Amino acid sequence: MALNVDWEELELACERNARNIDSYLDMQTGNIIVFYGESEEEELEHQVVKSKTQRYIKVKPASSRNQYKWMEKFVSTLNDESLQERLLIAIDGKGAFRRFKDILVHFPGIRERWYNYRSVHLHNHINDWLTSIDLMEKVEIPPWGLDVDVPEDDPRRPEEVTSDMSPAEILRSQAKEIIDLIPAIDLPAAISFLTYLKDKGSNSLFPKD
């Protein structure tokens, strides 16, 4: 009899990739057990689960790198040039996911598209993981099916997506080209402005409500 997995919880587990969080699939119940490393009692229970490898299978979350790529590719599909440029800047550097979500709060339609886009990639990750550890035939067919139709992105500027550089790297390259064209006499002012953006630009570009 195929295992009835708690697919919703498995999705959440595959989305989490913090170093201190570990999730396990219970092969008897189909439940997902999550350990956050918040107490000694929890750690003792965690050690017991880790030792029972036949019953508990550690969940492999989608890496931060892959989830960032999903976000980056999604931004490249947007037709609104102003929003696209704003998001490209927002997702560059530490705190990218938080800034990305903060902006999309003001664009509910785009946000819904993003959640659907991310779900497809996450479902594909889950199917690949279950297949790689020979579990796909032991569990019930997931709600999204066995074959996930990962979208072929139709970016507004395909040359930027297929480039070896990321969109953020392309923006930096474009900025350097512009700087090379600025007369030397105007460079101090340009440098001062860029320094201002480096120190305060993220707050000025994306003010909090």
N, C-alpha and C. Protein backbone atom coordinates (compact mmCIF):
# COMPACT_ATOMS: atom_id res chain seq x y z
N MET A 1 0.84 -1.20 0.00
CA MET A 1 0.00 0.00 0.00
C MET A 1 0.88 1.25 0.00
N ALA A 2 0.58 2.17 -0.90
CA ALA A 2 1.41 3.37 -1.03
C ALA A 2 1.23 4.28 0.19
N LEU A 3 2.30 4.95 0.55
CA LEU A 3 2.31 5.83 1.72
C LEU A 3 1.58 7.14 1.38
N ASN A 4 0.66 7.53 2.25
CA ASN A 4 -0.06 8.80 2.09
C ASN A 4 0.74 9.92 2.75
N VAL A 5 1.48 10.66 1.94
CA VAL A 5 2.37 11.70 2.44
C VAL A 5 1.61 12.99 2.70
N ASP A 6 2.01 13.71 3.72
CA ASP A 6 1.48 15.04 3.97
C ASP A 6 2.21 15.99 3.00
N TRP A 7 1.65 16.12 1.80
CA TRP A 7 2.34 16.84 0.73
C TRP A 7 2.52 18.32 1.04
N GLU A 8 1.55 18.91 1.70
CA GLU A 8 1.67 20.33 2.02
C GLU A 8 2.84 20.58 2.95
N GLU A 9 2.99 19.74 3.96
CA GLU A 9 4.11 19.89 4.89
C GLU A 9 5.44 19.56 4.22
N LEU A 10 5.41 18.62 3.29
CA LEU A 10 6.64 18.28 2.57
C LEU A 10 7.09 19.47 1.71
N GLU A 11 6.13 20.17 1.11
CA GLU A 11 6.47 21.37 0.34
C GLU A 11 7.17 22.40 1.23
N LEU A 12 6.60 22.62 2.42
CA LEU A 12 7.19 23.59 3.34
C LEU A 12 8.60 23.15 3.75
N ALA A 13 8.76 21.85 3.98
CA ALA A 13 10.06 21.33 4.39
C ALA A 13 11.10 21.51 3.29
N CYS A 14 10.67 21.35 2.04
CA CYS A 14 11.61 21.50 0.92
C CYS A 14 11.92 22.95 0.63
N GLU A 15 11.08 23.83 1.14
CA GLU A 15 11.34 25.27 0.97
C GLU A 15 12.33 25.77 2.03
N ARG A 16 12.27 25.16 3.22
CA ARG A 16 13.17 25.58 4.30
C ARG A 16 14.58 25.05 4.03
N ASN A 17 15.57 25.93 4.14
CA ASN A 17 16.94 25.45 3.98
C ASN A 17 17.91 26.10 4.97
N ALA A 18 17.36 26.56 6.10
CA ALA A 18 18.22 27.10 7.14
C ALA A 18 19.08 25.99 7.73
N ARG A 19 20.30 26.31 8.09
CA ARG A 19 21.24 25.29 8.55
C ARG A 19 20.80 24.60 9.83
N ASN A 20 20.04 25.30 10.67
CA ASN A 20 19.68 24.72 11.97
C ASN A 20 18.36 23.95 11.92
N ILE A 21 17.74 23.87 10.74
CA ILE A 21 16.45 23.18 10.62
C ILE A 21 16.60 21.90 9.81
N ASP A 22 16.12 20.80 10.37
CA ASP A 22 16.14 19.50 9.67
C ASP A 22 14.73 18.93 9.66
N SER A 23 14.33 18.38 8.53
CA SER A 23 12.99 17.79 8.40
C SER A 23 13.12 16.33 7.97
N TYR A 24 12.15 15.50 8.41
CA TYR A 24 12.18 14.08 8.10
C TYR A 24 10.80 13.61 7.67
N LEU A 25 10.79 12.70 6.71
CA LEU A 25 9.56 12.05 6.27
C LEU A 25 9.41 10.75 7.04
N ASP A 26 8.31 10.61 7.76
CA ASP A 26 8.02 9.39 8.52
C ASP A 26 7.41 8.37 7.55
N MET A 27 8.15 7.29 7.29
CA MET A 27 7.72 6.29 6.31
C MET A 27 6.60 5.40 6.83
N GLN A 28 6.19 5.56 8.07
CA GLN A 28 5.06 4.81 8.61
C GLN A 28 3.76 5.61 8.56
N THR A 29 3.88 6.90 8.80
CA THR A 29 2.68 7.74 8.89
C THR A 29 2.54 8.72 7.72
N GLY A 30 3.63 9.01 7.05
CA GLY A 30 3.61 10.01 5.98
C GLY A 30 3.73 11.43 6.48
N ASN A 31 3.85 11.59 7.81
CA ASN A 31 3.97 12.92 8.39
C ASN A 31 5.39 13.47 8.21
N ILE A 32 5.51 14.77 8.35
CA ILE A 32 6.80 15.44 8.29
C ILE A 32 7.15 15.92 9.69
N ILE A 33 8.32 15.53 10.15
CA ILE A 33 8.79 15.93 11.48
C ILE A 33 9.89 16.97 11.29
N VAL A 34 9.78 18.09 12.00
CA VAL A 34 10.73 19.19 11.83
C VAL A 34 11.43 19.47 13.15
N PHE A 35 12.74 19.63 13.06
CA PHE A 35 13.54 19.97 14.25
C PHE A 35 14.20 21.33 13.99
N TYR A 36 13.99 22.24 14.96
CA TYR A 36 14.51 23.60 14.82
C TYR A 36 15.75 23.86 15.67
N GLY A 37 16.16 22.87 16.45
CA GLY A 37 17.35 23.04 17.27
C GLY A 37 17.19 24.09 18.36
N GLU A 38 16.01 24.12 18.97
CA GLU A 38 15.73 25.17 19.95
C GLU A 38 15.87 24.74 21.40
N SER A 39 16.02 23.44 21.65
CA SER A 39 16.13 22.99 23.04
C SER A 39 16.88 21.67 23.11
N GLU A 40 17.36 21.34 24.31
CA GLU A 40 18.08 20.08 24.51
C GLU A 40 17.12 18.90 24.35
N GLU A 41 15.89 19.07 24.82
CA GLU A 41 14.90 18.00 24.70
C GLU A 41 14.63 17.68 23.23
N GLU A 42 14.50 18.73 22.43
CA GLU A 42 14.27 18.54 21.01
C GLU A 42 15.47 17.86 20.35
N GLU A 43 16.66 18.22 20.78
CA GLU A 43 17.87 17.63 20.20
C GLU A 43 17.95 16.14 20.52
N LEU A 44 17.53 15.75 21.72
CA LEU A 44 17.54 14.33 22.07
C LEU A 44 16.57 13.55 21.18
N GLU A 45 15.40 14.14 20.94
CA GLU A 45 14.42 13.50 20.04
C GLU A 45 14.97 13.43 18.62
N HIS A 46 15.68 14.47 18.24
CA HIS A 46 16.27 14.51 16.91
C HIS A 46 17.27 13.37 16.73
N GLN A 47 18.07 13.14 17.74
CA GLN A 47 19.07 12.07 17.67
C GLN A 47 18.40 10.70 17.53
N VAL A 48 17.28 10.51 18.19
CA VAL A 48 16.55 9.25 18.09
C VAL A 48 16.03 9.05 16.67
N VAL A 49 15.46 10.11 16.10
CA VAL A 49 14.93 10.04 14.73
C VAL A 49 16.06 9.76 13.74
N LYS A 50 17.19 10.43 13.92
CA LYS A 50 18.33 10.25 13.01
C LYS A 50 18.82 8.81 13.02
N SER A 51 18.69 8.15 14.16
CA SER A 51 19.21 6.78 14.28
C SER A 51 18.29 5.74 13.62
N LYS A 52 17.03 6.10 13.40
CA LYS A 52 16.06 5.16 12.81
C LYS A 52 15.94 5.45 11.32
N THR A 53 16.99 5.11 10.59
CA THR A 53 17.08 5.47 9.18
C THR A 53 16.09 4.72 8.28
N GLN A 54 15.58 3.58 8.73
CA GLN A 54 14.61 2.84 7.92
C GLN A 54 13.24 3.51 7.97
N ARG A 55 12.95 4.14 9.08
CA ARG A 55 11.63 4.76 9.25
C ARG A 55 11.63 6.23 8.84
N TYR A 56 12.68 6.96 9.19
CA TYR A 56 12.70 8.39 8.96
C TYR A 56 13.70 8.75 7.86
N ILE A 57 13.22 9.41 6.83
CA ILE A 57 14.07 9.82 5.71
C ILE A 57 14.25 11.33 5.77
N LYS A 58 15.51 11.75 5.82
CA LYS A 58 15.77 13.19 5.89
C LYS A 58 15.38 13.86 4.58
N VAL A 59 14.62 14.93 4.69
CA VAL A 59 14.14 15.67 3.51
C VAL A 59 15.27 16.54 2.96
N LYS A 60 15.39 16.53 1.65
CA LYS A 60 16.40 17.37 1.00
C LYS A 60 15.72 18.65 0.50
N PRO A 61 15.94 19.78 1.15
CA PRO A 61 15.30 21.02 0.71
C PRO A 61 15.95 21.55 -0.57
N ALA A 62 15.23 22.37 -1.28
CA ALA A 62 15.82 23.06 -2.43
C ALA A 62 16.84 24.06 -1.91
N SER A 63 18.01 24.06 -2.47
CA SER A 63 19.09 24.91 -1.98
C SER A 63 18.76 26.39 -2.16
N SER A 64 19.39 27.22 -1.35
CA SER A 64 19.21 28.67 -1.49
C SER A 64 19.63 29.13 -2.88
N ARG A 65 20.68 28.50 -3.39
CA ARG A 65 21.18 28.86 -4.72
C ARG A 65 20.11 28.61 -5.79
N ASN A 66 19.48 27.43 -5.72
CA ASN A 66 18.45 27.11 -6.71
C ASN A 66 17.22 28.01 -6.55
N GLN A 67 16.82 28.25 -5.29
CA GLN A 67 15.66 29.11 -5.08
C GLN A 67 15.94 30.54 -5.54
N TYR A 68 17.19 30.97 -5.41
CA TYR A 68 17.55 32.29 -5.91
C TYR A 68 17.45 32.32 -7.44
N LYS A 69 17.88 31.23 -8.08
CA LYS A 69 17.80 31.16 -9.54
C LYS A 69 16.34 31.22 -10.01
N TRP A 70 15.45 30.55 -9.26
CA TRP A 70 14.03 30.61 -9.62
C TRP A 70 13.55 32.07 -9.58
N MET A 71 13.93 32.75 -8.52
CA MET A 71 13.52 34.13 -8.34
C MET A 71 14.10 35.02 -9.45
N GLU A 72 15.36 34.80 -9.76
CA GLU A 72 16.05 35.60 -10.76
C GLU A 72 15.43 35.38 -12.15
N LYS A 73 15.13 34.12 -12.47
CA LYS A 73 14.52 33.83 -13.77
C LYS A 73 13.11 34.39 -13.85
N PHE A 74 12.38 34.34 -12.74
CA PHE A 74 11.04 34.89 -12.73
C PHE A 74 11.07 36.38 -13.04
N VAL A 75 11.99 37.09 -12.42
CA VAL A 75 12.09 38.53 -12.65
C VAL A 75 12.35 38.82 -14.13
N SER A 76 13.13 37.96 -14.77
CA SER A 76 13.48 38.19 -16.17
C SER A 76 12.29 38.01 -17.11
N THR A 77 11.18 37.39 -16.61
CA THR A 77 10.02 37.17 -17.46
C THR A 77 9.03 38.34 -17.42
N LEU A 78 9.26 39.30 -16.54
CA LEU A 78 8.32 40.40 -16.38
C LEU A 78 8.38 41.37 -17.55
N ASN A 79 7.22 41.88 -17.94
CA ASN A 79 7.15 42.83 -19.05
C ASN A 79 7.24 44.28 -18.58
N ASP A 80 6.99 44.51 -17.30
CA ASP A 80 7.07 45.86 -16.75
C ASP A 80 8.54 46.19 -16.50
N GLU A 81 9.10 47.01 -17.39
CA GLU A 81 10.53 47.29 -17.31
C GLU A 81 10.92 47.96 -16.00
N SER A 82 10.10 48.89 -15.54
CA SER A 82 10.41 49.60 -14.30
C SER A 82 10.44 48.64 -13.11
N LEU A 83 9.42 47.78 -13.01
CA LEU A 83 9.37 46.81 -11.91
C LEU A 83 10.49 45.79 -12.04
N GLN A 84 10.78 45.38 -13.25
CA GLN A 84 11.84 44.40 -13.45
C GLN A 84 13.19 44.94 -12.96
N GLU A 85 13.50 46.18 -13.35
CA GLU A 85 14.77 46.78 -12.93
C GLU A 85 14.81 46.94 -11.42
N ARG A 86 13.68 47.33 -10.84
CA ARG A 86 13.61 47.50 -9.38
C ARG A 86 13.87 46.18 -8.66
N LEU A 87 13.28 45.10 -9.17
CA LEU A 87 13.46 43.78 -8.55
C LEU A 87 14.88 43.26 -8.76
N LEU A 88 15.44 43.52 -9.93
CA LEU A 88 16.81 43.06 -10.19
C LEU A 88 17.78 43.68 -9.19
N ILE A 89 17.56 44.95 -8.88
CA ILE A 89 18.41 45.62 -7.89
C ILE A 89 18.13 45.05 -6.50
N ALA A 90 16.87 44.80 -6.21
CA ALA A 90 16.48 44.32 -4.87
C ALA A 90 17.06 42.95 -4.56
N ILE A 91 17.17 42.08 -5.55
CA ILE A 91 17.61 40.71 -5.27
C ILE A 91 19.11 40.53 -5.34
N ASP A 92 19.82 41.63 -5.43
CA ASP A 92 21.28 41.55 -5.46
C ASP A 92 21.83 41.73 -4.05
N GLY A 93 22.48 40.70 -3.53
CA GLY A 93 23.11 40.81 -2.22
C GLY A 93 22.31 40.19 -1.09
N LYS A 94 22.86 40.30 0.11
CA LYS A 94 22.25 39.72 1.29
C LYS A 94 20.87 40.32 1.53
N GLY A 95 19.93 39.48 1.93
CA GLY A 95 18.57 39.94 2.19
C GLY A 95 17.72 39.99 0.94
N ALA A 96 18.18 39.33 -0.15
CA ALA A 96 17.48 39.39 -1.43
C ALA A 96 16.05 38.89 -1.33
N PHE A 97 15.84 37.75 -0.66
CA PHE A 97 14.50 37.15 -0.59
C PHE A 97 13.54 38.07 0.16
N ARG A 98 14.00 38.67 1.23
CA ARG A 98 13.13 39.56 2.01
C ARG A 98 12.76 40.79 1.20
N ARG A 99 13.74 41.41 0.53
CA ARG A 99 13.44 42.61 -0.27
C ARG A 99 12.50 42.28 -1.43
N PHE A 100 12.72 41.11 -2.04
CA PHE A 100 11.87 40.67 -3.14
C PHE A 100 10.41 40.57 -2.68
N LYS A 101 10.19 39.92 -1.54
CA LYS A 101 8.83 39.75 -1.02
C LYS A 101 8.23 41.09 -0.60
N ASP A 102 9.06 41.98 -0.04
CA ASP A 102 8.55 43.29 0.39
C ASP A 102 8.01 44.09 -0.79
N ILE A 103 8.67 43.99 -1.93
CA ILE A 103 8.21 44.72 -3.11
C ILE A 103 6.94 44.10 -3.67
N LEU A 104 6.91 42.77 -3.74
CA LEU A 104 5.75 42.10 -4.35
C LEU A 104 4.48 42.26 -3.55
N VAL A 105 4.59 42.66 -2.29
CA VAL A 105 3.39 42.94 -1.48
C VAL A 105 2.53 44.00 -2.16
N HIS A 106 3.17 44.91 -2.88
CA HIS A 106 2.46 46.01 -3.52
C HIS A 106 1.97 45.64 -4.93
N PHE A 107 2.26 44.41 -5.37
CA PHE A 107 1.86 43.95 -6.69
C PHE A 107 1.23 42.56 -6.57
N PRO A 108 -0.01 42.50 -6.05
CA PRO A 108 -0.64 41.20 -5.75
C PRO A 108 -0.73 40.26 -6.95
N GLY A 109 -0.96 40.81 -8.15
CA GLY A 109 -1.05 39.95 -9.33
C GLY A 109 0.28 39.30 -9.64
N ILE A 110 1.35 40.08 -9.59
CA ILE A 110 2.69 39.55 -9.84
C ILE A 110 3.08 38.58 -8.73
N ARG A 111 2.68 38.91 -7.50
CA ARG A 111 3.01 38.03 -6.37
C ARG A 111 2.36 36.66 -6.55
N GLU A 112 1.08 36.65 -7.00
CA GLU A 112 0.40 35.38 -7.23
C GLU A 112 1.08 34.58 -8.33
N ARG A 113 1.51 35.27 -9.39
CA ARG A 113 2.26 34.60 -10.45
C ARG A 113 3.55 33.99 -9.91
N TRP A 114 4.22 34.73 -9.01
CA TRP A 114 5.47 34.23 -8.44
C TRP A 114 5.23 32.96 -7.62
N TYR A 115 4.19 32.96 -6.80
CA TYR A 115 3.92 31.79 -5.97
C TYR A 115 3.62 30.57 -6.85
N ASN A 116 2.87 30.77 -7.92
CA ASN A 116 2.59 29.66 -8.83
C ASN A 116 3.86 29.19 -9.53
N TYR A 117 4.68 30.13 -9.93
CA TYR A 117 5.94 29.82 -10.61
C TYR A 117 6.86 29.02 -9.68
N ARG A 118 6.97 29.51 -8.44
CA ARG A 118 7.83 28.83 -7.48
C ARG A 118 7.31 27.44 -7.15
N SER A 119 5.98 27.28 -7.04
CA SER A 119 5.39 25.99 -6.72
C SER A 119 5.75 24.94 -7.77
N VAL A 120 5.71 25.34 -9.03
CA VAL A 120 6.05 24.39 -10.10
C VAL A 120 7.48 23.89 -9.94
N HIS A 121 8.41 24.81 -9.69
CA HIS A 121 9.80 24.41 -9.52
C HIS A 121 9.99 23.58 -8.25
N LEU A 122 9.26 23.93 -7.19
CA LEU A 122 9.36 23.19 -5.94
C LEU A 122 8.81 21.77 -6.11
N HIS A 123 7.70 21.63 -6.82
CA HIS A 123 7.14 20.30 -7.08
C HIS A 123 8.09 19.46 -7.91
N ASN A 124 8.74 20.08 -8.86
CA ASN A 124 9.72 19.36 -9.67
C ASN A 124 10.89 18.89 -8.81
N HIS A 125 11.32 19.74 -7.88
CA HIS A 125 12.40 19.36 -6.96
C HIS A 125 11.99 18.16 -6.11
N ILE A 126 10.77 18.18 -5.58
CA ILE A 126 10.29 17.08 -4.74
C ILE A 126 10.25 15.78 -5.53
N ASN A 127 9.70 15.82 -6.74
CA ASN A 127 9.64 14.61 -7.56
C ASN A 127 11.03 14.07 -7.86
N ASP A 128 11.95 14.97 -8.18
CA ASP A 128 13.33 14.54 -8.47
C ASP A 128 13.97 13.91 -7.23
N TRP A 129 13.72 14.51 -6.07
CA TRP A 129 14.30 13.97 -4.83
C TRP A 129 13.73 12.59 -4.52
N LEU A 130 12.41 12.45 -4.58
CA LEU A 130 11.79 11.15 -4.29
C LEU A 130 12.27 10.07 -5.28
N THR A 131 12.43 10.45 -6.52
CA THR A 131 12.91 9.50 -7.53
C THR A 131 14.36 9.10 -7.26
N SER A 132 15.18 10.07 -6.85
CA SER A 132 16.60 9.81 -6.63
C SER A 132 16.86 8.83 -5.48
N ILE A 133 15.92 8.77 -4.52
CA ILE A 133 16.11 7.85 -3.38
C ILE A 133 15.11 6.68 -3.45
N ASP A 134 14.58 6.46 -4.65
CA ASP A 134 13.70 5.31 -4.91
C ASP A 134 12.46 5.28 -4.02
N LEU A 135 11.88 6.44 -3.77
CA LEU A 135 10.67 6.50 -2.95
C LEU A 135 9.42 6.81 -3.76
N MET A 136 9.58 7.25 -4.98
CA MET A 136 8.42 7.66 -5.76
C MET A 136 7.39 6.54 -5.92
N GLU A 137 7.86 5.31 -6.05
CA GLU A 137 6.94 4.19 -6.24
C GLU A 137 6.34 3.70 -4.92
N LYS A 138 6.85 4.23 -3.79
CA LYS A 138 6.37 3.79 -2.48
C LYS A 138 5.37 4.76 -1.88
N VAL A 139 5.17 5.89 -2.50
CA VAL A 139 4.25 6.89 -1.96
C VAL A 139 3.09 7.10 -2.94
N GLU A 140 2.00 7.65 -2.43
CA GLU A 140 0.89 7.97 -3.31
C GLU A 140 1.30 9.06 -4.31
N ILE A 141 0.66 9.07 -5.44
CA ILE A 141 0.98 10.08 -6.45
C ILE A 141 0.70 11.46 -5.88
N PRO A 142 1.65 12.38 -5.95
CA PRO A 142 1.43 13.72 -5.39
C PRO A 142 0.32 14.45 -6.12
N PRO A 143 -0.30 15.44 -5.49
CA PRO A 143 -1.42 16.17 -6.09
C PRO A 143 -1.08 16.80 -7.44
N TRP A 144 0.19 17.15 -7.63
CA TRP A 144 0.63 17.79 -8.87
C TRP A 144 1.03 16.79 -9.95
N GLY A 145 0.97 15.49 -9.61
CA GLY A 145 1.26 14.45 -10.59
C GLY A 145 2.72 14.02 -10.62
N LEU A 146 3.00 13.04 -11.45
CA LEU A 146 4.35 12.50 -11.55
C LEU A 146 5.24 13.32 -12.47
N ASP A 147 4.64 13.94 -13.46
CA ASP A 147 5.41 14.74 -14.41
C ASP A 147 5.04 16.21 -14.23
N VAL A 148 6.01 17.00 -13.82
CA VAL A 148 5.79 18.43 -13.61
C VAL A 148 6.22 19.18 -14.86
N ASP A 149 5.32 19.99 -15.37
CA ASP A 149 5.61 20.77 -16.57
C ASP A 149 6.29 22.07 -16.18
N VAL A 150 7.62 22.01 -16.08
CA VAL A 150 8.38 23.20 -15.72
C VAL A 150 8.33 24.17 -16.90
N PRO A 151 7.90 25.41 -16.67
CA PRO A 151 7.72 26.34 -17.79
C PRO A 151 9.04 26.70 -18.46
N GLU A 152 8.97 26.79 -19.79
CA GLU A 152 10.10 27.34 -20.53
C GLU A 152 9.95 28.85 -20.49
N ASP A 153 10.81 29.49 -19.74
CA ASP A 153 10.67 30.92 -19.50
C ASP A 153 10.73 31.70 -20.81
N ASP A 154 9.87 32.71 -20.88
CA ASP A 154 9.82 33.56 -22.06
C ASP A 154 10.22 34.97 -21.65
N PRO A 155 11.49 35.16 -21.36
CA PRO A 155 11.94 36.44 -20.83
C PRO A 155 11.81 37.57 -21.84
N ARG A 156 11.63 38.76 -21.30
CA ARG A 156 11.52 39.92 -22.18
C ARG A 156 12.84 40.19 -22.90
N ARG A 157 13.95 39.87 -22.22
CA ARG A 157 15.26 40.07 -22.83
C ARG A 157 16.03 38.76 -22.75
N PRO A 158 15.78 37.82 -23.67
CA PRO A 158 16.38 36.49 -23.58
C PRO A 158 17.90 36.50 -23.60
N GLU A 159 18.48 37.49 -24.25
CA GLU A 159 19.95 37.50 -24.32
C GLU A 159 20.56 37.69 -22.94
N GLU A 160 19.81 38.34 -22.02
CA GLU A 160 20.35 38.54 -20.69
C GLU A 160 20.23 37.27 -19.85
N VAL A 161 19.20 36.49 -20.09
CA VAL A 161 18.99 35.27 -19.31
C VAL A 161 19.92 34.16 -19.76
N THR A 162 20.17 34.08 -21.07
CA THR A 162 21.02 33.01 -21.58
C THR A 162 22.50 33.35 -21.43
N SER A 163 22.80 34.59 -21.05
CA SER A 163 24.19 34.98 -20.86
C SER A 163 24.79 34.20 -19.69
N ASP A 164 26.14 34.11 -19.69
CA ASP A 164 26.82 33.46 -18.57
C ASP A 164 26.70 34.30 -17.31
N MET A 165 26.40 35.58 -17.46
CA MET A 165 26.28 36.47 -16.31
C MET A 165 24.86 36.49 -15.80
N SER A 166 24.72 36.74 -14.50
CA SER A 166 23.39 36.91 -13.92
C SER A 166 22.89 38.31 -14.27
N PRO A 167 21.58 38.55 -14.14
CA PRO A 167 21.06 39.89 -14.41
C PRO A 167 21.75 40.98 -13.60
N ALA A 168 22.06 40.69 -12.33
CA ALA A 168 22.74 41.69 -11.51
C ALA A 168 24.13 42.00 -12.06
N GLU A 169 24.83 40.96 -12.53
CA GLU A 169 26.16 41.16 -13.11
C GLU A 169 26.07 41.96 -14.40
N ILE A 170 25.00 41.74 -15.16
CA ILE A 170 24.80 42.49 -16.39
C ILE A 170 24.59 43.97 -16.08
N LEU A 171 23.81 44.26 -15.03
CA LEU A 171 23.59 45.66 -14.65
C LEU A 171 24.90 46.32 -14.25
N ARG A 172 25.74 45.59 -13.50
CA ARG A 172 27.03 46.15 -13.11
C ARG A 172 27.90 46.42 -14.33
N SER A 173 27.85 45.50 -15.29
CA SER A 173 28.63 45.67 -16.51
C SER A 173 28.17 46.91 -17.27
N GLN A 174 26.85 47.11 -17.32
CA GLN A 174 26.31 48.28 -18.01
C GLN A 174 26.73 49.56 -17.29
N ALA A 175 26.74 49.52 -15.96
CA ALA A 175 27.13 50.69 -15.18
C ALA A 175 28.60 51.04 -15.44
N LYS A 176 29.45 50.01 -15.52
CA LYS A 176 30.88 50.26 -15.79
C LYS A 176 31.09 50.87 -17.16
N GLU A 177 30.30 50.42 -18.13
CA GLU A 177 30.41 50.98 -19.48
C GLU A 177 30.05 52.46 -19.49
N ILE A 178 29.02 52.82 -18.72
CA ILE A 178 28.62 54.22 -18.64
C ILE A 178 29.69 55.06 -17.96
N ILE A 179 30.27 54.51 -16.89
CA ILE A 179 31.33 55.24 -16.17
C ILE A 179 32.51 55.52 -17.09
N ASP A 180 32.83 54.57 -17.95
CA ASP A 180 33.95 54.77 -18.88
C ASP A 180 33.71 55.93 -19.84
N LEU A 181 32.44 56.28 -20.04
CA LEU A 181 32.10 57.36 -20.98
C LEU A 181 31.98 58.72 -20.30
N ILE A 182 32.02 58.72 -18.95
CA ILE A 182 31.89 59.98 -18.22
C ILE A 182 33.22 60.74 -18.26
N PRO A 183 33.20 62.03 -18.58
CA PRO A 183 34.44 62.82 -18.58
C PRO A 183 35.10 62.80 -17.20
N ALA A 184 36.42 62.80 -17.17
CA ALA A 184 37.16 62.69 -15.90
C ALA A 184 36.75 63.79 -14.93
N ILE A 185 36.42 64.96 -15.45
CA ILE A 185 36.09 66.07 -14.57
C ILE A 185 34.80 65.81 -13.79
N ASP A 186 33.93 64.95 -14.34
CA ASP A 186 32.65 64.66 -13.68
C ASP A 186 32.70 63.40 -12.81
N LEU A 187 33.82 62.71 -12.83
CA LEU A 187 33.90 61.45 -12.08
C LEU A 187 33.75 61.64 -10.57
N PRO A 188 34.34 62.69 -9.94
CA PRO A 188 34.14 62.84 -8.48
C PRO A 188 32.67 62.90 -8.09
N ALA A 189 31.86 63.60 -8.89
CA ALA A 189 30.43 63.68 -8.58
C ALA A 189 29.77 62.32 -8.75
N ALA A 190 30.17 61.58 -9.79
CA ALA A 190 29.61 60.25 -10.03
C ALA A 190 29.98 59.30 -8.90
N ILE A 191 31.23 59.39 -8.45
CA ILE A 191 31.69 58.53 -7.36
C ILE A 191 30.94 58.84 -6.07
N SER A 192 30.73 60.14 -5.80
CA SER A 192 29.99 60.53 -4.60
C SER A 192 28.57 59.98 -4.62
N PHE A 193 27.93 60.05 -5.79
CA PHE A 193 26.56 59.56 -5.90
C PHE A 193 26.52 58.05 -5.73
N LEU A 194 27.47 57.32 -6.32
CA LEU A 194 27.50 55.87 -6.19
C LEU A 194 27.78 55.46 -4.75
N THR A 195 28.62 56.22 -4.08
CA THR A 195 28.90 55.94 -2.66
C THR A 195 27.64 56.12 -1.83
N TYR A 196 26.85 57.15 -2.16
CA TYR A 196 25.58 57.38 -1.47
C TYR A 196 24.64 56.20 -1.67
N LEU A 197 24.56 55.71 -2.92
CA LEU A 197 23.69 54.57 -3.20
C LEU A 197 24.15 53.33 -2.45
N LYS A 198 25.45 53.14 -2.37
CA LYS A 198 25.99 51.97 -1.67
C LYS A 198 25.61 52.00 -0.20
N ASP A 199 25.69 53.18 0.42
CA ASP A 199 25.45 53.29 1.86
C ASP A 199 23.97 53.39 2.22
N LYS A 200 23.19 54.09 1.39
CA LYS A 200 21.80 54.37 1.75
C LYS A 200 20.81 54.04 0.65
N GLY A 201 21.31 53.58 -0.47
CA GLY A 201 20.44 53.41 -1.64
C GLY A 201 19.32 52.42 -1.44
N SER A 202 19.59 51.28 -0.77
CA SER A 202 18.54 50.27 -0.63
C SER A 202 17.35 50.82 0.14
N ASN A 203 17.62 51.68 1.14
CA ASN A 203 16.52 52.25 1.91
C ASN A 203 15.78 53.32 1.13
N SER A 204 16.53 54.11 0.34
CA SER A 204 15.90 55.17 -0.41
C SER A 204 15.11 54.64 -1.60
N LEU A 205 15.59 53.54 -2.19
CA LEU A 205 14.88 52.97 -3.33
C LEU A 205 13.66 52.17 -2.92
N PHE A 206 13.76 51.50 -1.75
CA PHE A 206 12.67 50.65 -1.30
C PHE A 206 12.26 51.06 0.10
N PRO A 207 11.67 52.24 0.26
CA PRO A 207 11.28 52.71 1.60
C PRO A 207 10.21 51.82 2.19
N LYS A 208 10.24 51.73 3.50
CA LYS A 208 9.23 50.93 4.21
C LYS A 208 8.00 51.79 4.43
N ASP A 209 6.83 51.13 4.33
CA ASP A 209 5.58 51.86 4.52
C ASP A 209 5.40 52.23 5.98
